[in-house]
Amino acid sequence: MLTDRYFYPDQPQETALLVGIELRGGVGRFTVGDSLEELARLAETAGMAVVGQTYQRISDPNPATLIGSGKLAEIVDLRTELGASAILFDEELSPRQQREIEKALKNEEIKVLDRTALILDIFAKHAHTREGALQVELAQYEYRLPRLTRAWTHLARQAGGGAAASGTGGVGLRGPGETQLEVDRREISRRIAHLKRELEEVRAHRQRYRQKRRGAALSTVSLVGYTNAGKSTLLNALTRLAAPEGGEAGVLEADMLFATLDPTTRRVRLPGGREALFTDTVGFIQKLPTALVAAFRATLEEIAESDLLLHVVDITHNNALEQADAVGDVLRELGMVEKPILTALNKVDLLPDPEEVIDLLSREFEDALAISAGTGQGLRELLERIEQRLNRDLTPVEALIPYSAGELVNLWHVHGLIQQEEHTEHGVRIQGMLPEELAGRMQPYATAGQ
């Protein structure tokens, strides 16, 4: 059984007491202990020091305070004993629950945060592009709008300007700050509407970019997976291994949750010579806030438009299967259950007995391959497997391309599969496979059946 635990860091910054619940008779993928352990990592990523954790087993959540009144009184005393500056709940609190818990504390200096507020804070900290900042700000305002009580007095105490850019104000308070101190609900609603309009422009821009990309006949692969599964490390490894000349620099790799937020796309040359675009997307997590899924619609559409999903699983994690299931839940929520998926069981080099674990997990995944993004193990085979899956969508074409249209031959080499190539008096005769868009451009020179 999980017991209460206490931690005493040498130099605490903001300190948090973690609180979880376990529903009697409930069937969850993660135990309350596993979920609190993940919450602790989220808190550390946000810059907090965890000084203690506790939980309560209940039949149903209390509509007023989530937990029972006796447990709440115990938590208030425990917070005082540990000197925690915040109480962090593993479940999303309703506005009413947050207000009642704040009343029980009788101390305006103590913050009451939930998992959603914490994830929003981390996203605000790691959003570096205009699009990412807009999406986070929208999600924060929609989360805070029904909670316009003491949270805004905390914001009023922030000093100086530019909180959103500098990340000041403490955990749960990054993002929109000083400029919104005196606004009322109507003005905040107006700001939300403005952000939605801006994001629609971003969405339209992304759509135009995707159409242009489709016109270039580049296949796309989206890396999806639980946060910290190693997607960024894998994208960097594939880029170093198979990037065309002049390939772009790598993306941030860090052993923390949500180290990267903004999607990054790199061009990778597949073993057969054709090229594809690989996109690193934001990591998923259990209890992913609905507001975030909605706010990040423009980004997540990158996944919907991709030709193949590469699901990266941290094979060393104790909850690898549960994490994979959580990713599946989000994909289903986004309506992507029919999208072709290839699974990469990552970090195999860290296993004491890789074959046993690989055999066990391979039974759970329809099309899985063990790899190590850190050492490069299995990456060439992974690229071959990706190319095989992408080639299923190619159209067979046979054409005689005149030398005056030599750029089409180059496009075929980059974006298609060549089975036979012959230089003749009248041009280059090629038999092979092409993406549908490019096959249409070859139609004037088609020779099949002639």
Protein backbone atom coordinates (compact mmCIF):
# COMPACT_ATOMS: atom_id res chain seq x y z
CA MET A 1 0.00 0.00 0.00
CA LEU A 2 1.18 3.52 -0.79
CA THR A 3 2.11 5.49 2.32
CA ASP A 4 2.55 9.21 2.83
CA ARG A 5 6.07 10.35 1.97
CA TYR A 6 8.05 13.42 2.87
CA PHE A 7 11.04 15.01 1.17
CA TYR A 8 13.38 17.65 2.52
CA PRO A 9 15.40 19.34 -0.25
CA ASP A 10 18.43 21.39 0.78
CA GLN A 11 17.44 24.57 -1.06
CA PRO A 12 13.72 24.58 -1.82
CA GLN A 13 12.30 27.16 -4.18
CA GLU A 14 8.54 26.95 -4.32
CA THR A 15 7.53 23.91 -2.30
CA ALA A 16 4.56 21.65 -2.88
CA LEU A 17 2.53 19.09 -0.98
CA LEU A 18 1.02 16.60 -3.43
CA VAL A 19 -2.50 15.23 -2.93
CA GLY A 20 -4.10 12.35 -4.83
CA ILE A 21 -7.24 10.26 -4.65
CA GLU A 22 -7.93 6.59 -5.25
CA LEU A 23 -11.50 5.63 -6.09
CA ARG A 24 -12.74 2.46 -4.43
CA GLY A 25 -13.59 -0.06 -7.09
CA GLY A 26 -12.15 2.21 -9.77
CA VAL A 27 -10.15 0.66 -12.59
CA GLY A 28 -7.44 3.04 -13.72
CA ARG A 29 -4.38 2.35 -15.85
CA PHE A 30 -2.10 4.10 -13.36
CA THR A 31 -2.04 3.39 -9.63
CA VAL A 32 -2.36 6.40 -7.33
CA GLY A 33 1.33 5.95 -6.48
CA ASP A 34 2.39 6.00 -10.14
CA SER A 35 0.22 9.02 -10.84
CA LEU A 36 1.63 10.96 -7.86
CA GLU A 37 5.14 10.03 -8.95
CA GLU A 38 4.40 11.54 -12.35
CA LEU A 39 2.89 14.61 -10.68
CA ALA A 40 6.11 15.01 -8.71
CA ARG A 41 8.10 15.01 -11.97
CA LEU A 42 5.75 17.59 -13.42
CA ALA A 43 6.26 19.76 -10.33
CA GLU A 44 10.04 19.44 -10.64
CA THR A 45 9.85 20.37 -14.32
CA ALA A 46 7.94 23.51 -13.30
CA GLY A 47 10.69 24.37 -10.80
CA MET A 48 8.97 23.27 -7.59
CA ALA A 49 10.45 21.22 -4.79
CA VAL A 50 8.16 18.45 -3.56
CA VAL A 51 8.18 18.23 0.24
CA GLY A 52 5.46 15.64 0.78
CA GLN A 53 2.64 13.64 -0.69
CA THR A 54 -0.52 12.01 0.57
CA TYR A 55 -3.70 10.52 -0.83
CA GLN A 56 -7.18 9.40 0.20
CA ARG A 57 -9.16 6.36 -0.90
CA ILE A 58 -12.74 7.47 -1.46
CA SER A 59 -15.91 6.08 -3.03
CA ASP A 60 -16.81 9.28 -4.87
CA PRO A 61 -15.15 12.71 -5.15
CA ASN A 62 -16.59 15.28 -2.75
CA PRO A 63 -18.31 17.89 -4.98
CA ALA A 64 -17.27 20.66 -2.57
CA THR A 65 -13.66 19.78 -1.74
CA LEU A 66 -12.79 16.64 -3.81
CA ILE A 67 -11.56 14.90 -0.64
CA GLY A 68 -13.32 14.38 2.68
CA SER A 69 -13.47 17.14 5.29
CA GLY A 70 -11.36 15.14 7.75
CA LYS A 71 -8.63 14.54 5.16
CA LEU A 72 -8.72 18.21 4.17
CA ALA A 73 -8.14 19.25 7.81
CA GLU A 74 -5.26 16.78 7.97
CA ILE A 75 -3.73 18.24 4.78
CA VAL A 76 -4.02 21.80 6.15
CA ASP A 77 -2.06 20.73 9.25
CA LEU A 78 0.46 18.75 7.19
CA ARG A 79 1.07 21.74 4.93
CA THR A 80 1.86 23.87 7.97
CA GLU A 81 4.18 21.20 9.36
CA LEU A 82 6.10 20.88 6.09
CA GLY A 83 6.05 24.58 5.25
CA ALA A 84 4.75 23.97 1.74
CA SER A 85 3.92 27.10 -0.23
CA ALA A 86 1.44 25.24 -2.46
CA ILE A 87 -0.93 22.29 -2.34
CA LEU A 88 -0.96 20.45 -5.65
CA PHE A 89 -3.86 18.12 -6.47
CA ASP A 90 -3.47 15.29 -8.97
CA GLU A 91 -7.03 15.75 -10.25
CA GLU A 92 -8.53 18.80 -11.93
CA LEU A 93 -10.40 20.86 -9.36
CA SER A 94 -13.69 22.51 -10.17
CA PRO A 95 -13.86 26.25 -9.41
CA ARG A 96 -16.04 25.47 -6.39
CA GLN A 97 -13.62 22.87 -5.04
CA GLN A 98 -10.69 25.25 -5.42
CA ARG A 99 -12.53 28.04 -3.59
CA GLU A 100 -13.57 25.77 -0.70
CA ILE A 101 -10.05 24.39 -0.26
CA GLU A 102 -8.64 27.94 -0.29
CA LYS A 103 -11.15 28.91 2.42
CA ALA A 104 -10.04 25.97 4.56
CA LEU A 105 -6.42 27.14 4.32
CA LYS A 106 -7.23 30.61 5.71
CA ASN A 107 -3.96 31.83 4.23
CA GLU A 108 -3.89 33.83 1.00
CA GLU A 109 -0.17 33.16 0.59
CA ILE A 110 -0.75 29.44 -0.02
CA LYS A 111 -1.57 28.44 -3.59
CA VAL A 112 -4.01 25.69 -4.45
CA LEU A 113 -3.14 24.19 -7.83
CA ASP A 114 -4.24 21.14 -9.76
CA ARG A 115 -2.61 18.98 -12.42
CA THR A 116 -4.16 21.07 -15.20
CA ALA A 117 -2.77 24.36 -13.84
CA LEU A 118 0.65 22.73 -13.48
CA ILE A 119 0.70 21.42 -17.07
CA LEU A 120 -0.44 24.82 -18.34
CA ASP A 121 2.41 26.42 -16.40
CA ILE A 122 4.98 24.05 -17.93
CA PHE A 123 3.59 24.73 -21.39
CA ALA A 124 3.86 28.49 -20.78
CA LYS A 125 7.47 27.98 -19.75
CA HIS A 126 8.36 25.95 -22.85
CA ALA A 127 6.34 27.71 -25.58
CA HIS A 128 8.92 29.59 -27.63
CA THR A 129 7.09 30.28 -30.90
CA ARG A 130 4.28 32.77 -31.46
CA GLU A 131 1.89 29.92 -32.20
CA GLY A 132 2.82 28.05 -29.05
CA ALA A 133 2.49 31.19 -26.92
CA LEU A 134 -0.96 31.93 -28.38
CA GLN A 135 -2.16 28.39 -27.74
CA VAL A 136 -0.95 28.37 -24.15
CA GLU A 137 -2.38 31.81 -23.42
CA LEU A 138 -5.78 30.75 -24.77
CA ALA A 139 -5.80 27.58 -22.67
CA GLN A 140 -4.75 29.52 -19.56
CA TYR A 141 -7.48 32.13 -19.92
CA GLU A 142 -10.17 29.52 -20.55
CA TYR A 143 -9.00 27.64 -17.47
CA ARG A 144 -8.80 30.76 -15.29
CA LEU A 145 -11.99 32.49 -16.41
CA PRO A 146 -14.32 30.55 -14.06
CA ARG A 147 -11.70 30.83 -11.30
CA LEU A 148 -11.42 34.62 -11.08
CA THR A 149 -11.06 34.75 -7.32
CA ARG A 150 -7.87 34.67 -5.31
CA ALA A 151 -5.77 33.52 -8.24
CA TRP A 152 -5.91 37.08 -9.58
CA THR A 153 -4.73 38.60 -6.29
CA HIS A 154 -1.65 36.41 -6.70
CA LEU A 155 -1.16 37.93 -10.14
CA ALA A 156 -1.55 41.41 -8.70
CA ARG A 157 1.50 40.85 -6.52
CA GLN A 158 3.76 40.12 -9.49
CA ALA A 159 6.34 42.81 -9.92
CA GLY A 160 7.45 44.35 -13.21
CA GLY A 161 6.32 43.60 -16.74
CA GLY A 162 6.66 40.79 -19.21
CA ALA A 163 5.68 37.88 -16.99
CA ALA A 164 4.66 35.76 -19.94
CA ALA A 165 8.04 36.15 -21.59
CA SER A 166 10.24 35.90 -18.52
CA GLY A 167 8.38 33.09 -16.77
CA THR A 168 8.13 35.05 -13.50
CA GLY A 169 5.34 34.89 -11.00
CA GLY A 170 5.76 31.34 -9.78
CA VAL A 171 4.27 28.02 -10.73
CA GLY A 172 0.69 28.23 -11.94
CA LEU A 173 1.02 31.94 -12.66
CA ARG A 174 3.23 32.12 -15.74
CA GLY A 175 1.76 33.51 -18.89
CA PRO A 176 -0.89 36.24 -18.92
CA GLY A 177 -0.20 38.48 -15.95
CA GLU A 178 0.23 42.19 -15.25
CA THR A 179 -1.57 43.59 -18.31
CA GLN A 180 -4.73 41.67 -17.37
CA LEU A 181 -4.84 42.52 -13.66
CA GLU A 182 -7.84 44.85 -13.73
CA VAL A 183 -9.90 43.21 -16.43
CA ASP A 184 -13.32 41.78 -15.72
CA ARG A 185 -14.91 38.68 -17.16
CA ARG A 186 -16.17 40.52 -20.23
CA GLU A 187 -12.71 41.81 -21.12
CA ILE A 188 -11.17 38.38 -20.57
CA SER A 189 -13.82 36.86 -22.83
CA ARG A 190 -12.91 39.46 -25.43
CA ARG A 191 -9.27 38.46 -25.13
CA ILE A 192 -10.19 34.80 -25.57
CA ALA A 193 -12.14 35.66 -28.73
CA HIS A 194 -9.15 37.61 -30.05
CA LEU A 195 -6.77 34.71 -29.38
CA LYS A 196 -9.11 32.31 -31.17
CA ARG A 197 -9.14 34.60 -34.22
CA GLU A 198 -5.35 34.74 -34.24
CA LEU A 199 -5.13 30.97 -33.93
CA GLU A 200 -7.55 30.58 -36.84
CA GLU A 201 -5.08 32.62 -38.90
CA VAL A 202 -2.29 30.31 -37.74
CA ARG A 203 -4.44 27.32 -38.64
CA ALA A 204 -5.09 28.74 -42.12
CA HIS A 205 -1.37 29.39 -42.57
CA ARG A 206 -0.55 25.83 -41.55
CA GLN A 207 -3.15 24.54 -43.98
CA ARG A 208 -1.59 26.53 -46.83
CA TYR A 209 1.83 25.21 -45.84
CA ARG A 210 0.54 21.63 -45.83
CA GLN A 211 -1.01 22.10 -49.27
CA LYS A 212 2.29 23.43 -50.58
CA ARG A 213 4.07 20.49 -49.00
CA ARG A 214 1.65 18.04 -50.57
CA GLY A 215 2.32 19.73 -53.89
CA ALA A 216 5.99 18.89 -53.41
CA ALA A 217 4.97 15.22 -52.98
CA LEU A 218 6.80 14.80 -49.68
CA SER A 219 5.50 12.04 -47.44
CA THR A 220 5.15 13.01 -43.78
CA VAL A 221 5.79 11.03 -40.61
CA SER A 222 4.65 12.34 -37.21
CA LEU A 223 6.42 11.18 -34.06
CA VAL A 224 3.89 10.71 -31.27
CA GLY A 225 4.26 9.31 -27.79
CA TYR A 226 4.09 9.88 -24.08
CA THR A 227 6.09 12.82 -22.79
CA ASN A 228 9.77 11.98 -22.23
CA ALA A 229 9.59 8.83 -24.38
CA GLY A 230 12.55 10.07 -26.44
CA LYS A 231 10.88 11.55 -29.52
CA SER A 232 13.24 14.54 -29.78
CA THR A 233 16.29 12.32 -29.30
CA LEU A 234 15.00 10.01 -32.03
CA LEU A 235 14.34 12.88 -34.45
CA ASN A 236 17.88 14.16 -33.89
CA ALA A 237 19.33 10.67 -34.36
CA LEU A 238 17.43 10.11 -37.61
CA THR A 239 18.43 13.55 -38.86
CA ARG A 240 22.12 12.87 -38.18
CA LEU A 241 21.88 9.43 -39.74
CA ALA A 242 19.93 10.26 -42.87
CA ALA A 243 19.58 14.01 -43.36
CA PRO A 244 20.16 15.40 -46.87
CA GLU A 245 23.17 17.68 -47.26
CA GLY A 246 22.76 20.91 -45.33
CA GLY A 247 20.38 19.30 -42.83
CA GLU A 248 19.01 21.50 -40.06
CA ALA A 249 20.22 21.62 -36.47
CA GLY A 250 18.83 19.27 -33.85
CA VAL A 251 16.02 19.92 -31.39
CA LEU A 252 16.26 20.16 -27.61
CA GLU A 253 16.80 16.91 -25.73
CA ALA A 254 16.29 16.85 -21.96
CA ASP A 255 15.33 14.32 -19.31
CA MET A 256 12.21 16.19 -18.24
CA LEU A 257 8.52 16.14 -19.04
CA PHE A 258 7.46 18.37 -21.95
CA ALA A 259 11.05 19.44 -22.72
CA THR A 260 9.86 20.44 -26.20
CA LEU A 261 6.47 21.92 -26.98
CA ASP A 262 6.56 23.52 -30.40
CA PRO A 263 6.48 21.03 -33.31
CA THR A 264 9.73 20.65 -35.25
CA THR A 265 10.01 19.21 -38.77
CA ARG A 266 13.14 17.77 -40.36
CA ARG A 267 13.83 16.29 -43.81
CA VAL A 268 15.15 12.71 -43.73
CA ARG A 269 16.43 10.61 -46.62
CA LEU A 270 15.05 7.07 -46.59
CA PRO A 271 17.22 4.05 -47.55
CA GLY A 272 15.76 3.85 -51.07
CA GLY A 273 16.75 7.45 -51.80
CA ARG A 274 13.41 9.24 -51.47
CA GLU A 275 12.94 11.89 -48.80
CA ALA A 276 10.27 12.37 -46.16
CA LEU A 277 9.40 14.95 -43.54
CA PHE A 278 9.55 13.86 -39.88
CA THR A 279 7.74 16.01 -37.32
CA ASP A 280 8.32 15.89 -33.55
CA THR A 281 5.01 16.68 -31.82
CA VAL A 282 4.18 17.61 -28.23
CA GLY A 283 4.25 14.67 -25.85
CA PHE A 284 1.01 13.25 -24.51
CA ILE A 285 0.24 12.50 -20.87
CA GLN A 286 -2.55 10.92 -18.85
CA LYS A 287 -5.32 13.32 -17.81
CA LEU A 288 -4.29 15.69 -20.61
CA PRO A 289 -6.41 18.82 -20.05
CA THR A 290 -9.26 19.13 -22.54
CA ALA A 291 -8.49 22.85 -22.87
CA LEU A 292 -5.02 22.01 -24.14
CA VAL A 293 -6.27 19.53 -26.71
CA ALA A 294 -8.67 22.18 -28.01
CA ALA A 295 -6.14 25.02 -27.93
CA PHE A 296 -3.49 22.98 -29.73
CA ARG A 297 -5.82 21.98 -32.54
CA ALA A 298 -3.66 23.70 -35.21
CA THR A 299 -0.57 21.85 -34.03
CA LEU A 300 -2.31 18.51 -33.64
CA GLU A 301 -3.64 18.79 -37.17
CA GLU A 302 -0.05 18.09 -38.23
CA ILE A 303 -0.62 14.59 -36.88
CA ALA A 304 -3.95 14.25 -38.68
CA GLU A 305 -2.39 15.25 -42.01
CA SER A 306 0.60 12.91 -41.76
CA ASP A 307 0.94 9.75 -43.85
CA LEU A 308 2.28 7.65 -40.99
CA LEU A 309 2.43 7.88 -37.19
CA LEU A 310 5.61 6.71 -35.48
CA HIS A 311 4.60 5.88 -31.89
CA VAL A 312 7.67 6.13 -29.65
CA VAL A 313 7.40 4.09 -26.43
CA ASP A 314 9.85 4.22 -23.52
CA ILE A 315 10.30 0.48 -23.13
CA THR A 316 12.18 0.93 -19.83
CA HIS A 317 9.30 2.64 -18.02
CA ASN A 318 7.36 0.59 -15.48
CA ASN A 319 4.13 1.92 -16.97
CA ALA A 320 5.10 1.53 -20.64
CA LEU A 321 1.85 -0.20 -21.58
CA GLU A 322 -0.27 2.25 -19.60
CA GLN A 323 1.52 5.19 -21.24
CA ALA A 324 0.97 3.67 -24.68
CA ASP A 325 -2.73 3.26 -23.88
CA ALA A 326 -2.91 6.92 -22.80
CA VAL A 327 -1.44 7.94 -26.16
CA GLY A 328 -4.04 5.78 -27.86
CA ASP A 329 -6.79 7.57 -25.93
CA VAL A 330 -5.63 10.98 -27.20
CA LEU A 331 -5.33 9.71 -30.78
CA ARG A 332 -8.88 8.36 -30.56
CA GLU A 333 -10.05 11.70 -29.17
CA LEU A 334 -8.47 13.36 -32.21
CA GLY A 335 -10.20 10.90 -34.53
CA MET A 336 -7.03 9.19 -35.77
CA VAL A 337 -7.75 5.54 -35.06
CA GLU A 338 -7.49 4.63 -38.75
CA LYS A 339 -4.12 6.31 -39.26
CA PRO A 340 -1.30 3.78 -40.00
CA ILE A 341 0.99 3.41 -36.97
CA LEU A 342 4.47 1.96 -36.56
CA THR A 343 5.74 1.53 -32.98
CA ALA A 344 9.34 2.16 -31.91
CA LEU A 345 10.19 0.53 -28.55
CA ASN A 346 12.86 3.01 -27.49
CA LYS A 347 15.76 2.90 -24.96
CA VAL A 348 16.31 -0.85 -25.45
CA ASP A 349 19.99 -0.35 -24.59
CA LEU A 350 19.04 0.43 -20.98
CA LEU A 351 17.33 -2.92 -20.35
CA PRO A 352 19.16 -5.64 -18.36
CA ASP A 353 17.33 -8.36 -20.32
CA PRO A 354 16.16 -6.73 -23.58
CA GLU A 355 14.94 -9.88 -25.35
CA GLU A 356 12.48 -10.83 -22.60
CA VAL A 357 10.93 -7.37 -22.37
CA ILE A 358 10.86 -6.90 -26.15
CA ASP A 359 9.12 -10.24 -26.60
CA LEU A 360 6.54 -9.31 -23.97
CA LEU A 361 5.79 -5.85 -25.33
CA SER A 362 5.88 -6.91 -28.97
CA ARG A 363 2.80 -9.03 -28.28
CA GLU A 364 0.97 -5.86 -27.27
CA PHE A 365 1.80 -3.92 -30.45
CA GLU A 366 0.84 -4.92 -33.97
CA ASP A 367 3.93 -3.55 -35.70
CA ALA A 368 6.80 -2.84 -33.29
CA LEU A 369 10.56 -2.56 -33.56
CA ALA A 370 13.08 -2.27 -30.71
CA ILE A 371 15.48 0.66 -31.07
CA SER A 372 17.76 2.96 -29.13
CA ALA A 373 17.72 6.60 -30.18
CA GLY A 374 20.68 7.16 -27.86
CA THR A 375 23.03 4.55 -29.36
CA GLY A 376 21.55 4.26 -32.85
CA GLN A 377 20.60 0.61 -32.44
CA GLY A 378 17.90 -0.44 -34.90
CA LEU A 379 17.56 2.98 -36.57
CA ARG A 380 18.48 1.85 -40.10
CA GLU A 381 15.99 -1.00 -39.84
CA LEU A 382 13.43 1.48 -38.54
CA LEU A 383 13.94 3.72 -41.59
CA GLU A 384 13.56 0.67 -43.86
CA ARG A 385 10.33 -0.26 -42.11
CA ILE A 386 9.04 3.32 -42.43
CA GLU A 387 9.88 3.35 -46.12
CA GLN A 388 8.07 0.07 -46.67
CA ARG A 389 4.94 1.47 -45.00
CA LEU A 390 5.09 4.71 -46.99
CA ASN A 391 5.64 2.83 -50.26
CA ARG A 392 2.24 1.18 -49.85
CA ASP A 393 0.68 4.51 -50.78
CA LEU A 394 2.68 4.94 -53.99
CA THR A 395 1.20 4.61 -57.48
CA PRO A 396 2.95 2.50 -60.16
CA VAL A 397 4.09 4.68 -63.07
CA GLU A 398 6.01 4.09 -66.31
CA ALA A 399 7.12 7.16 -68.27
CA LEU A 400 9.52 8.48 -70.89
CA ILE A 401 10.63 11.88 -69.65
CA PRO A 402 12.32 14.17 -72.21
CA TYR A 403 15.67 15.64 -71.25
CA SER A 404 14.07 19.10 -71.37
CA ALA A 405 11.98 18.08 -68.33
CA GLY A 406 14.90 16.79 -66.32
CA GLU A 407 13.54 18.32 -63.10
CA LEU A 408 10.85 15.62 -63.10
CA VAL A 409 13.54 12.93 -63.02
CA ASN A 410 15.09 14.63 -59.99
CA LEU A 411 11.67 14.76 -58.30
CA TRP A 412 11.21 11.04 -58.95
CA HIS A 413 14.55 10.26 -57.32
CA VAL A 414 13.71 12.34 -54.24
CA HIS A 415 10.04 11.50 -53.74
CA GLY A 416 9.48 8.14 -55.42
CA LEU A 417 10.81 4.65 -55.92
CA ILE A 418 12.71 3.79 -59.12
CA GLN A 419 12.65 0.16 -60.25
CA GLN A 420 14.17 0.63 -63.72
CA GLU A 421 15.87 3.63 -65.34
CA GLU A 422 17.18 3.83 -68.89
CA HIS A 423 18.68 6.77 -70.79
CA THR A 424 17.45 6.69 -74.40
CA GLU A 425 17.76 8.90 -77.47
CA HIS A 426 14.46 10.65 -76.62
CA GLY A 427 14.74 10.91 -72.87
CA VAL A 428 14.88 8.95 -69.61
CA ARG A 429 12.63 5.92 -69.45
CA ILE A 430 11.65 5.17 -65.83
CA GLN A 431 9.50 2.51 -64.27
CA GLY A 432 8.68 2.82 -60.60
CA MET A 433 6.35 4.21 -57.93
CA LEU A 434 5.29 7.76 -57.17
CA PRO A 435 3.04 9.66 -54.75
CA GLU A 436 -0.34 10.34 -56.31
CA GLU A 437 0.28 14.08 -56.77
CA LEU A 438 3.55 13.52 -58.60
CA ALA A 439 2.13 10.65 -60.63
CA GLY A 440 -0.36 13.14 -62.08
CA ARG A 441 2.47 15.40 -63.22
CA MET A 442 4.05 12.45 -65.07
CA GLN A 443 0.83 11.65 -66.95
CA PRO A 444 1.80 13.54 -70.15
CA TYR A 445 4.86 11.30 -70.46
CA ALA A 446 3.25 8.00 -69.39
CA THR A 447 4.14 5.03 -71.61
CA ALA A 448 2.39 2.14 -69.81
CA GLY A 449 0.07 0.33 -72.20
CA GLN A 450 1.50 2.15 -75.22
